[in-house]
């Protein structure tokens, strides 16, 4: 009986993970985009520090 209960709980957890998969993928994509934007902003900031004459008019 305990084995059957354990198997059923495992199957339920599997279905929960399957249902949550699209949201998880969406979240990962958004996080990656956010990191890319931050990396780009940081690159520009460092470039401004290294080459201030290039950005004098901005």
C-alpha atoms as a PDB file:
ATOM      1  CA  UNK A   1       0.000   0.000   0.000  1.00  0.00           C
ATOM      2  CA  UNK A   2       2.804   2.397   0.863  1.00  0.00           C
ATOM      3  CA  UNK A   3       4.503   1.656  -2.458  1.00  0.00           C
ATOM      4  CA  UNK A   4       1.329   2.443  -4.423  1.00  0.00           C
ATOM      5  CA  UNK A   5       0.893   5.712  -2.512  1.00  0.00           C
ATOM      6  CA  UNK A   6       4.482   6.664  -3.263  1.00  0.00           C
ATOM      7  CA  UNK A   7       4.029   5.899  -6.976  1.00  0.00           C
ATOM      8  CA  UNK A   8       0.816   7.953  -7.141  1.00  0.00           C
ATOM      9  CA  UNK A   9       2.472  10.922  -5.424  1.00  0.00           C
ATOM     10  CA  UNK A  10       5.372  10.699  -7.862  1.00  0.00           C
ATOM     11  CA  UNK A  11       2.984  10.710 -10.832  1.00  0.00           C
ATOM     12  CA  UNK A  12       1.132  13.728  -9.413  1.00  0.00           C
ATOM     13  CA  UNK A  13       4.420  15.600  -8.976  1.00  0.00           C
ATOM     14  CA  UNK A  14       5.351  14.737 -12.555  1.00  0.00           C
ATOM     15  CA  UNK A  15       2.086  16.192 -13.879  1.00  0.00           C
ATOM     16  CA  UNK A  16       2.583  19.341 -11.790  1.00  0.00           C
ATOM     17  CA  UNK A  17       6.039  19.819 -13.295  1.00  0.00           C
ATOM     18  CA  UNK A  18       4.692  19.257 -16.808  1.00  0.00           C
ATOM     19  CA  UNK A  19       2.007  21.912 -16.262  1.00  0.00           C
ATOM     20  CA  UNK A  20       4.543  24.351 -14.808  1.00  0.00           C
ATOM     21  CA  UNK A  21       7.056  23.821 -17.634  1.00  0.00           C
ATOM     22  CA  UNK A  22       5.781  26.561 -20.019  1.00  0.00           C
ATOM     23  CA  UNK A  23       5.826  29.165 -17.241  1.00  0.00           C
ATOM     24  CA  UNK A  24       9.301  28.046 -16.233  1.00  0.00           C
ATOM     25  CA  UNK A  25      10.594  28.348 -19.791  1.00  0.00           C
ATOM     26  CA  UNK A  26       8.988  31.766 -20.178  1.00  0.00           C
ATOM     27  CA  UNK A  27      10.575  32.931 -16.953  1.00  0.00           C
ATOM     28  CA  UNK A  28      13.995  31.676 -18.029  1.00  0.00           C
ATOM     29  CA  UNK A  29      13.741  33.480 -21.383  1.00  0.00           C
ATOM     30  CA  UNK A  30      12.728  36.757 -19.709  1.00  0.00           C
ATOM     31  CA  UNK A  31      15.595  36.427 -17.230  1.00  0.00           C
ATOM     32  CA  UNK A  32      18.069  35.828 -20.043  1.00  0.00           C
ATOM     33  CA  UNK A  33      16.814  38.889 -21.930  1.00  0.00           C
ATOM     34  CA  UNK A  34      17.122  40.989 -18.784  1.00  0.00           C
ATOM     35  CA  UNK A  35      20.693  39.801 -18.250  1.00  0.00           C
ATOM     36  CA  UNK A  36      21.596  40.584 -21.855  1.00  0.00           C
ATOM     37  CA  UNK A  37      20.213  44.127 -21.480  1.00  0.00           C
ATOM     38  CA  UNK A  38      22.131  44.667 -18.254  1.00  0.00           C
ATOM     39  CA  UNK A  39      25.305  43.317 -19.841  1.00  0.00           C
ATOM     40  CA  UNK A  40      24.884  45.715 -22.760  1.00  0.00           C
ATOM     41  CA  UNK A  41      24.340  48.680 -20.435  1.00  0.00           C
ATOM     42  CA  UNK A  42      27.370  47.689 -18.378  1.00  0.00           C
ATOM     43  CA  UNK A  43      29.500  47.420 -21.532  1.00  0.00           C
ATOM     44  CA  UNK A  44      28.478  50.908 -22.590  1.00  0.00           C
ATOM     45  CA  UNK A  45      29.172  52.274 -19.108  1.00  0.00           C
ATOM     46  CA  UNK A  46      32.655  50.771 -19.097  1.00  0.00           C
ATOM     47  CA  UNK A  47      33.300  52.083 -22.611  1.00  0.00           C
ATOM     48  CA  UNK A  48      32.284  55.567 -21.468  1.00  0.00           C
ATOM     49  CA  UNK A  49      34.745  55.323 -18.580  1.00  0.00           C
ATOM     50  CA  UNK A  50      37.566  54.074 -20.824  1.00  0.00           C
ATOM     51  CA  UNK A  51      36.906  56.456 -23.746  1.00  0.00           C
ATOM     52  CA  UNK A  52      35.351  59.667 -22.420  1.00  0.00           C
ATOM     53  CA  UNK A  53      36.277  61.699 -25.512  1.00  0.00           C
ATOM     54  CA  UNK A  54      34.134  59.454 -27.662  1.00  0.00           C
ATOM     55  CA  UNK A  55      31.018  60.403 -25.651  1.00  0.00           C
ATOM     56  CA  UNK A  56      31.761  64.073 -25.007  1.00  0.00           C
ATOM     57  CA  UNK A  57      28.706  65.444 -26.850  1.00  0.00           C
ATOM     58  CA  UNK A  58      26.158  62.975 -25.458  1.00  0.00           C
END
